[in-house]
PDB file of N, CA and C in Angstrom:
ATOM      1  N   MET A   1      12.200  13.875 -22.513  1.00  0.00           N
ATOM      2  CA  MET A   1      10.815  13.480 -22.096  1.00  0.00           C
ATOM      3  C   MET A   1       9.895  12.198 -23.068  1.00  0.00           C
ATOM      4  N   ALA A   2       9.502  11.264 -22.270  1.00  0.00           N
ATOM      5  CA  ALA A   2       8.671  10.296 -22.798  1.00  0.00           C
ATOM      6  C   ALA A   2       7.333  10.541 -22.593  1.00  0.00           C
ATOM      7  N   THR A   3       6.491  10.429 -23.985  1.00  0.00           N
ATOM      8  CA  THR A   3       4.925  10.199 -24.235  1.00  0.00           C
ATOM      9  C   THR A   3       4.601   9.332 -23.913  1.00  0.00           C
ATOM     10  N   LEU A   4       3.485   9.111 -22.804  1.00  0.00           N
ATOM     11  CA  LEU A   4       2.694   8.001 -22.667  1.00  0.00           C
ATOM     12  C   LEU A   4       1.260   8.192 -23.001  1.00  0.00           C
ATOM     13  N   THR A   5       0.864   7.130 -23.350  1.00  0.00           N
ATOM     14  CA  THR A   5      -0.834   6.682 -23.849  1.00  0.00           C
ATOM     15  C   THR A   5      -1.386   6.744 -22.860  1.00  0.00           C
ATOM     16  N   ILE A   6      -2.536   7.150 -22.923  1.00  0.00           N
ATOM     17  CA  ILE A   6      -4.186   6.544 -21.805  1.00  0.00           C
ATOM     18  C   ILE A   6      -4.407   5.833 -22.663  1.00  0.00           C
ATOM     19  N   THR A   7      -4.644   4.400 -21.653  1.00  0.00           N
ATOM     20  CA  THR A   7      -6.132   3.718 -22.073  1.00  0.00           C
ATOM     21  C   THR A   7      -7.276   3.956 -22.091  1.00  0.00           C
ATOM     22  N   ALA A   8      -7.935   3.049 -23.075  1.00  0.00           N
ATOM     23  CA  ALA A   8      -9.836   3.451 -22.690  1.00  0.00           C
ATOM     24  C   ALA A   8     -10.015   3.510 -21.401  1.00  0.00           C
ATOM     25  N   LYS A   9      -9.285   2.433 -20.595  1.00  0.00           N
ATOM     26  CA  LYS A   9      -9.845   2.224 -18.997  1.00  0.00           C
ATOM     27  C   LYS A   9      -9.021   3.269 -18.159  1.00  0.00           C
ATOM     28  N   GLY A  10      -8.237   4.258 -19.061  1.00  0.00           N
ATOM     29  CA  GLY A  10      -8.068   5.482 -18.171  1.00  0.00           C
ATOM     30  C   GLY A  10      -6.634   4.838 -17.554  1.00  0.00           C
ATOM     31  N   GLN A  11      -5.928   4.065 -18.058  1.00  0.00           N
ATOM     32  CA  GLN A  11      -4.350   3.812 -17.117  1.00  0.00           C
ATOM     33  C   GLN A  11      -3.312   4.353 -18.356  1.00  0.00           C
ATOM     34  N   ILE A  12      -2.368   4.598 -17.528  1.00  0.00           N
ATOM     35  CA  ILE A  12      -0.815   4.436 -18.420  1.00  0.00           C
ATOM     36  C   ILE A  12      -0.065   3.496 -18.053  1.00  0.00           C
ATOM     37  N   THR A  13       0.928   2.804 -19.029  1.00  0.00           N
ATOM     38  CA  THR A  13       1.604   2.344 -18.643  1.00  0.00           C
ATOM     39  C   THR A  13       3.256   2.994 -18.344  1.00  0.00           C
ATOM     40  N   LEU A  14       4.006   3.365 -17.700  1.00  0.00           N
ATOM     41  CA  LEU A  14       5.532   3.715 -17.877  1.00  0.00           C
ATOM     42  C   LEU A  14       6.411   2.666 -18.498  1.00  0.00           C
ATOM     43  N   LYS A  15       7.313   3.528 -19.363  1.00  0.00           N
ATOM     44  CA  LYS A  15       7.953   2.653 -20.362  1.00  0.00           C
ATOM     45  C   LYS A  15       9.049   1.990 -19.832  1.00  0.00           C
ATOM     46  N   GLN A  16       9.620   0.717 -19.650  1.00  0.00           N
ATOM     47  CA  GLN A  16      10.829   0.179 -19.206  1.00  0.00           C
ATOM     48  C   GLN A  16      12.124   1.338 -18.913  1.00  0.00           C
ATOM     49  N   GLU A  17      12.070   1.899 -19.361  1.00  0.00           N
ATOM     50  CA  GLU A  17      13.768   2.954 -19.413  1.00  0.00           C
ATOM     51  C   GLU A  17      13.498   3.958 -18.037  1.00  0.00           C
ATOM     52  N   LEU A  18      11.924   4.216 -17.747  1.00  0.00           N
ATOM     53  CA  LEU A  18      11.375   5.014 -16.550  1.00  0.00           C
ATOM     54  C   LEU A  18      11.610   4.477 -15.464  1.00  0.00           C
ATOM     55  N   LEU A  19      10.973   3.163 -15.765  1.00  0.00           N
ATOM     56  CA  LEU A  19      11.398   1.957 -14.065  1.00  0.00           C
ATOM     57  C   LEU A  19      12.505   1.862 -13.840  1.00  0.00           C
ATOM     58  N   ARG A  20      13.266   1.510 -15.119  1.00  0.00           N
ATOM     59  CA  ARG A  20      14.557   1.298 -14.463  1.00  0.00           C
ATOM     60  C   ARG A  20      15.212   2.567 -14.154  1.00  0.00           C
ATOM     61  N   HIS A  21      14.785   3.887 -14.414  1.00  0.00           N
ATOM     62  CA  HIS A  21      15.498   4.788 -14.064  1.00  0.00           C
ATOM     63  C   HIS A  21      15.004   5.341 -12.379  1.00  0.00           C
ATOM     64  N   MET A  22      13.915   4.910 -12.196  1.00  0.00           N
ATOM     65  CA  MET A  22      13.089   4.905 -10.673  1.00  0.00           C
ATOM     66  C   MET A  22      13.393   3.554  -9.970  1.00  0.00           C
ATOM     67  N   LYS A  23      14.262   2.927 -10.520  1.00  0.00           N
ATOM     68  CA  LYS A  23      14.539   1.671  -9.756  1.00  0.00           C
ATOM     69  C   LYS A  23      13.489   0.941  -9.349  1.00  0.00           C
ATOM     70  N   VAL A  24      12.267   0.616  -9.640  1.00  0.00           N
ATOM     71  CA  VAL A  24      11.410  -0.317  -9.733  1.00  0.00           C
ATOM     72  C   VAL A  24      10.756  -1.325 -10.318  1.00  0.00           C
ATOM     73  N   ALA A  25      10.074  -2.035 -10.002  1.00  0.00           N
ATOM     74  CA  ALA A  25       9.905  -3.222 -10.632  1.00  0.00           C
ATOM     75  C   ALA A  25       8.190  -3.630 -11.025  1.00  0.00           C
ATOM     76  N   PRO A  26       8.176  -4.419 -11.557  1.00  0.00           N
ATOM     77  CA  PRO A  26       6.918  -4.373 -11.896  1.00  0.00           C
ATOM     78  C   PRO A  26       6.133  -5.223 -10.657  1.00  0.00           C
ATOM     79  N   GLY A  27       4.851  -4.602 -10.512  1.00  0.00           N
ATOM     80  CA  GLY A  27       4.825  -4.853  -8.986  1.00  0.00           C
ATOM     81  C   GLY A  27       4.438  -4.399  -7.865  1.00  0.00           C
ATOM     82  N   GLN A  28       5.552  -3.083  -7.950  1.00  0.00           N
ATOM     83  CA  GLN A  28       5.977  -2.370  -6.851  1.00  0.00           C
ATOM     84  C   GLN A  28       5.131  -1.563  -7.206  1.00  0.00           C
ATOM     85  N   LYS A  29       4.705  -0.474  -6.033  1.00  0.00           N
ATOM     86  CA  LYS A  29       4.146   0.875  -6.146  1.00  0.00           C
ATOM     87  C   LYS A  29       4.595   1.914  -6.042  1.00  0.00           C
ATOM     88  N   VAL A  30       4.403   2.532  -6.583  1.00  0.00           N
ATOM     89  CA  VAL A  30       4.811   4.291  -6.506  1.00  0.00           C
ATOM     90  C   VAL A  30       4.191   5.470  -5.975  1.00  0.00           C
ATOM     91  N   GLU A  31       4.324   6.098  -5.031  1.00  0.00           N
ATOM     92  CA  GLU A  31       4.071   7.526  -4.988  1.00  0.00           C
ATOM     93  C   GLU A  31       3.636   8.559  -6.074  1.00  0.00           C
ATOM     94  N   VAL A  32       2.192   8.892  -6.115  1.00  0.00           N
ATOM     95  CA  VAL A  32       1.922   9.671  -6.470  1.00  0.00           C
ATOM     96  C   VAL A  32       0.795  10.848  -6.223  1.00  0.00           C
ATOM     97  N   SER A  33       1.633  12.059  -6.529  1.00  0.00           N
ATOM     98  CA  SER A  33       1.078  13.497  -5.808  1.00  0.00           C
ATOM     99  C   SER A  33       0.120  14.237  -6.852  1.00  0.00           C
ATOM    100  N   PRO A  34      -0.901  14.938  -6.900  1.00  0.00           N
ATOM    101  CA  PRO A  34      -1.265  15.935  -7.643  1.00  0.00           C
ATOM    102  C   PRO A  34      -1.184  17.050  -7.525  1.00  0.00           C
ATOM    103  N   LEU A  35      -0.318  17.592  -8.219  1.00  0.00           N
ATOM    104  CA  LEU A  35      -0.308  19.266  -8.124  1.00  0.00           C
ATOM    105  C   LEU A  35      -1.330  20.048  -8.380  1.00  0.00           C
ATOM    106  N   PRO A  36      -1.480  21.102  -8.037  1.00  0.00           N
ATOM    107  CA  PRO A  36      -2.362  22.592  -8.069  1.00  0.00           C
ATOM    108  C   PRO A  36      -2.420  22.713  -9.761  1.00  0.00           C
ATOM    109  N   ASP A  37      -1.578  22.277 -10.482  1.00  0.00           N
ATOM    110  CA  ASP A  37      -1.768  22.972 -11.700  1.00  0.00           C
ATOM    111  C   ASP A  37      -2.163  22.212 -12.629  1.00  0.00           C
ATOM    112  N   GLY A  38      -2.691  20.440 -12.312  1.00  0.00           N
ATOM    113  CA  GLY A  38      -3.644  19.699 -13.011  1.00  0.00           C
ATOM    114  C   GLY A  38      -1.947  18.576 -13.298  1.00  0.00           C
ATOM    115  N   ARG A  39      -0.987  18.696 -13.207  1.00  0.00           N
ATOM    116  CA  ARG A  39      -0.027  18.034 -13.607  1.00  0.00           C
ATOM    117  C   ARG A  39      -0.064  16.891 -11.970  1.00  0.00           C
ATOM    118  N   ILE A  40       0.585  16.248 -12.339  1.00  0.00           N
ATOM    119  CA  ILE A  40       1.221  14.753 -11.222  1.00  0.00           C
ATOM    120  C   ILE A  40       2.751  14.579 -11.284  1.00  0.00           C
ATOM    121  N   ALA A  41       2.798  14.359 -10.020  1.00  0.00           N
ATOM    122  CA  ALA A  41       4.561  14.095  -9.231  1.00  0.00           C
ATOM    123  C   ALA A  41       4.369  12.379  -9.408  1.00  0.00           C
ATOM    124  N   ILE A  42       5.190  11.956  -9.964  1.00  0.00           N
ATOM    125  CA  ILE A  42       5.260  10.744  -9.573  1.00  0.00           C
ATOM    126  C   ILE A  42       6.832  10.287  -8.780  1.00  0.00           C
ATOM    127  N   GLY A  43       6.699   9.602  -7.305  1.00  0.00           N
ATOM    128  CA  GLY A  43       7.739   9.717  -6.757  1.00  0.00           C
ATOM    129  C   GLY A  43       8.224   8.362  -6.656  1.00  0.00           C
ATOM    130  N   ALA A  44       8.930   8.699  -5.626  1.00  0.00           N
ATOM    131  CA  ALA A  44       9.861   7.395  -4.903  1.00  0.00           C
ATOM    132  C   ALA A  44       8.902   5.884  -4.868  1.00  0.00           C
ATOM    133  N   PRO A  45       9.747   4.791  -4.790  1.00  0.00           N
ATOM    134  CA  PRO A  45       8.709   3.530  -4.867  1.00  0.00           C
ATOM    135  C   PRO A  45       8.123   3.957  -3.153  1.00  0.00           C
ATOM    136  N   ALA A  46       6.623   3.668  -2.995  1.00  0.00           N
ATOM    137  CA  ALA A  46       6.456   3.785  -2.233  1.00  0.00           C
ATOM    138  C   ALA A  46       6.819   2.415  -0.933  1.00  0.00           C
ATOM    139  N   LYS A  47       7.198   3.662   0.532  1.00  0.00           N
ATOM    140  CA  LYS A  47       7.621   2.475   1.841  1.00  0.00           C
ATOM    141  C   LYS A  47       7.178   1.550   2.051  1.00  0.00           C
ATOM    142  N   ARG A  48       7.241   0.479   2.229  1.00  0.00           N
ATOM    143  CA  ARG A  48       7.355  -1.228   2.258  1.00  0.00           C
ATOM    144  C   ARG A  48       6.658  -1.129   4.192  1.00  0.00           C
ATOM    145  N   GLY A  49       5.815  -1.368   4.187  1.00  0.00           N
ATOM    146  CA  GLY A  49       5.620  -1.688   5.931  1.00  0.00           C
ATOM    147  C   GLY A  49       6.670  -2.870   6.324  1.00  0.00           C
ATOM    148  N   SER A  50       6.817  -2.726   7.599  1.00  0.00           N
ATOM    149  CA  SER A  50       7.671  -3.816   8.329  1.00  0.00           C
ATOM    150  C   SER A  50       7.340  -4.679   9.656  1.00  0.00           C
ATOM    151  N   ILE A  51       7.733  -5.588   9.716  1.00  0.00           N
ATOM    152  CA  ILE A  51       7.126  -6.274  11.035  1.00  0.00           C
ATOM    153  C   ILE A  51       7.024  -5.196  11.942  1.00  0.00           C
ATOM    154  N   GLU A  52       8.431  -4.554  12.429  1.00  0.00           N
ATOM    155  CA  GLU A  52       8.827  -3.966  13.147  1.00  0.00           C
ATOM    156  C   GLU A  52       7.833  -2.676  13.434  1.00  0.00           C
ATOM    157  N   ASN A  53       7.259  -2.284  12.400  1.00  0.00           N
ATOM    158  CA  ASN A  53       6.641  -1.095  12.593  1.00  0.00           C
ATOM    159  C   ASN A  53       5.141  -1.837  13.367  1.00  0.00           C
ATOM    160  N   PHE A  54       4.680  -3.140  12.244  1.00  0.00           N
ATOM    161  CA  PHE A  54       3.258  -3.119  12.685  1.00  0.00           C
ATOM    162  C   PHE A  54       3.424  -4.107  14.159  1.00  0.00           C
ATOM    163  N   ILE A  55       4.485  -4.422  15.002  1.00  0.00           N
ATOM    164  CA  ILE A  55       4.534  -4.847  16.186  1.00  0.00           C
ATOM    165  C   ILE A  55       3.797  -3.698  16.891  1.00  0.00           C
ATOM    166  N   GLY A  56       2.509  -3.863  17.912  1.00  0.00           N
ATOM    167  CA  GLY A  56       1.841  -2.984  19.045  1.00  0.00           C
ATOM    168  C   GLY A  56       1.579  -1.786  18.076  1.00  0.00           C
ATOM    169  N   SER A  57       1.237  -1.707  17.054  1.00  0.00           N
ATOM    170  CA  SER A  57       0.576  -0.693  16.418  1.00  0.00           C
ATOM    171  C   SER A  57      -1.043  -0.962  16.806  1.00  0.00           C
ATOM    172  N   LEU A  58      -1.199  -2.076  17.063  1.00  0.00           N
ATOM    173  CA  LEU A  58      -2.961  -2.346  17.732  1.00  0.00           C
ATOM    174  C   LEU A  58      -3.353  -2.026  19.321  1.00  0.00           C
ATOM    175  N   LYS A  59      -1.777  -2.097  20.055  1.00  0.00           N
ATOM    176  CA  LYS A  59      -2.247  -2.047  21.204  1.00  0.00           C
ATOM    177  C   LYS A  59      -2.813  -0.706  21.680  1.00  0.00           C
ATOM    178  N   ARG A  60      -3.427  -0.915  22.742  1.00  0.00           N
ATOM    179  CA  ARG A  60      -4.057   0.655  22.959  1.00  0.00           C
ATOM    180  C   ARG A  60      -3.934   0.789  24.605  1.00  0.00           C
ATOM    181  N   ARG A  61      -3.546   1.770  24.925  1.00  0.00           N
ATOM    182  CA  ARG A  61      -3.460   2.032  26.819  1.00  0.00           C
ATOM    183  C   ARG A  61      -4.707   1.623  27.275  1.00  0.00           C
ATOM    184  N   GLY A  62      -4.435   0.731  28.371  1.00  0.00           N
ATOM    185  CA  GLY A  62      -5.854   0.553  28.774  1.00  0.00           C
ATOM    186  C   GLY A  62      -6.691  -0.606  28.449  1.00  0.00           C
ATOM    187  N   GLY A  63      -6.300  -0.919  27.108  1.00  0.00           N
ATOM    188  CA  GLY A  63      -6.613  -1.897  26.503  1.00  0.00           C
ATOM    189  C   GLY A  63      -7.025  -3.231  26.861  1.00  0.00           C
ATOM    190  N   PRO A  64      -7.421  -4.375  26.383  1.00  0.00           N
ATOM    191  CA  PRO A  64      -7.581  -5.610  26.952  1.00  0.00           C
ATOM    192  C   PRO A  64      -6.236  -6.327  26.384  1.00  0.00           C
ATOM    193  N   HIS A  65      -5.783  -7.231  27.199  1.00  0.00           N
ATOM    194  CA  HIS A  65      -4.661  -8.085  26.630  1.00  0.00           C
ATOM    195  C   HIS A  65      -5.233  -9.512  26.364  1.00  0.00           C
ATOM    196  N   LEU A  66      -4.833 -10.151  25.148  1.00  0.00           N
ATOM    197  CA  LEU A  66      -5.739 -10.810  24.514  1.00  0.00           C
ATOM    198  C   LEU A  66      -4.359 -11.982  24.387  1.00  0.00           C
ATOM    199  N   THR A  67      -4.655 -13.436  24.571  1.00  0.00           N
ATOM    200  CA  THR A  67      -3.708 -14.134  24.311  1.00  0.00           C
ATOM    201  C   THR A  67      -4.012 -14.813  22.630  1.00  0.00           C
ATOM    202  N   ILE A  68      -3.090 -15.435  22.219  1.00  0.00           N
ATOM    203  CA  ILE A  68      -3.222 -15.881  20.456  1.00  0.00           C
ATOM    204  C   ILE A  68      -4.498 -16.358  20.626  1.00  0.00           C
ATOM    205  N   GLU A  69      -4.930 -17.602  21.238  1.00  0.00           N
ATOM    206  CA  GLU A  69      -6.151 -18.416  21.568  1.00  0.00           C
ATOM    207  C   GLU A  69      -7.007 -17.271  21.688  1.00  0.00           C
ATOM    208  N   GLN A  70      -7.458 -16.486  22.085  1.00  0.00           N
ATOM    209  CA  GLN A  70      -8.578 -15.583  21.963  1.00  0.00           C
ATOM    210  C   GLN A  70      -8.417 -14.694  21.065  1.00  0.00           C
ATOM    211  N   ILE A  71      -7.581 -14.708  20.463  1.00  0.00           N
ATOM    212  CA  ILE A  71      -7.454 -13.274  19.192  1.00  0.00           C
ATOM    213  C   ILE A  71      -8.001 -14.708  18.059  1.00  0.00           C
ATOM    214  N   ARG A  72      -7.189 -15.847  18.131  1.00  0.00           N
ATOM    215  CA  ARG A  72      -7.849 -16.890  17.373  1.00  0.00           C
ATOM    216  C   ARG A  72      -9.357 -17.412  17.111  1.00  0.00           C
ATOM    217  N   LYS A  73      -9.803 -17.398  18.128  1.00  0.00           N
ATOM    218  CA  LYS A  73     -11.416 -17.287  18.498  1.00  0.00           C
ATOM    219  C   LYS A  73     -12.228 -16.061  17.962  1.00  0.00           C
ATOM    220  N   ILE A  74     -11.769 -15.075  18.038  1.00  0.00           N
ATOM    221  CA  ILE A  74     -12.193 -13.767  17.829  1.00  0.00           C
ATOM    222  C   ILE A  74     -12.646 -14.228  16.107  1.00  0.00           C
ATOM    223  N   THR A  75     -11.345 -14.124  15.875  1.00  0.00           N
ATOM    224  CA  THR A  75     -10.966 -14.298  14.157  1.00  0.00           C
ATOM    225  C   THR A  75     -11.648 -15.169  13.976  1.00  0.00           C
ATOM    226  N   GLU A  76     -11.906 -16.436  14.498  1.00  0.00           N
ATOM    227  CA  GLU A  76     -12.656 -17.251  14.024  1.00  0.00           C
ATOM    228  C   GLU A  76     -14.026 -17.081  13.333  1.00  0.00           C
ATOM    229  N   ASP A  77     -14.520 -16.089  14.691  1.00  0.00           N
ATOM    230  CA  ASP A  77     -16.284 -16.000  14.872  1.00  0.00           C
ATOM    231  C   ASP A  77     -16.692 -15.032  13.965  1.00  0.00           C
ATOM    232  N   ALA A  78     -15.522 -14.283  14.146  1.00  0.00           N
ATOM    233  CA  ALA A  78     -15.991 -13.058  12.597  1.00  0.00           C
ATOM    234  C   ALA A  78     -15.981 -13.813  11.490  1.00  0.00           C
ATOM    235  N   TRP A  79     -15.177 -14.468  11.221  1.00  0.00           N
ATOM    236  CA  TRP A  79     -15.036 -14.792   9.448  1.00  0.00           C
ATOM    237  C   TRP A  79     -16.466 -16.168   9.299  1.00  0.00           C
ATOM    238  N   ALA A  80     -17.264 -16.416  10.429  1.00  0.00           N
ATOM    239  CA  ALA A  80     -18.307 -17.171  10.549  1.00  0.00           C
ATOM    240  C   ALA A  80     -19.769 -16.394  10.858  1.00  0.00           C
ATOM    241  N   GLY A  81     -19.117 -15.353  10.794  1.00  0.00           N
ATOM    242  CA  GLY A  81     -20.061 -14.440  10.571  1.00  0.00           C
ATOM    243  C   GLY A  81     -21.074 -14.314  12.422  1.00  0.00           C
ATOM    244  N   LYS A  82     -20.450 -14.551  12.908  1.00  0.00           N
ATOM    245  CA  LYS A  82     -20.820 -14.636  14.546  1.00  0.00           C
ATOM    246  C   LYS A  82     -20.226 -13.561  15.320  1.00  0.00           C
ATOM    247  N   ARG A  83     -19.964 -12.460  14.681  1.00  0.00           N
ATOM    248  CA  ARG A  83     -19.879 -11.377  15.434  1.00  0.00           C
ATOM    249  C   ARG A  83     -20.019  -9.964  14.364  1.00  0.00           C
TER     250      ARG A  83
END
């Protein structure tokens, strides 16, 4: 069992052997679940989204159908603070 140190910022660093064991690399995210007894469970790497999951995710039944140009204009207006 590895022992980890909590930093002044309340963070821990997983040792390289643990990262290799989990098959994760720096920058990847992992799922963490709090357990009722005060422990935590560090799970598998967090699932990455895919473009297939994204396509159609904003579509709503009976909602408006916007063209790319309409979406671009709405986005530009929003960034400019006009909406």
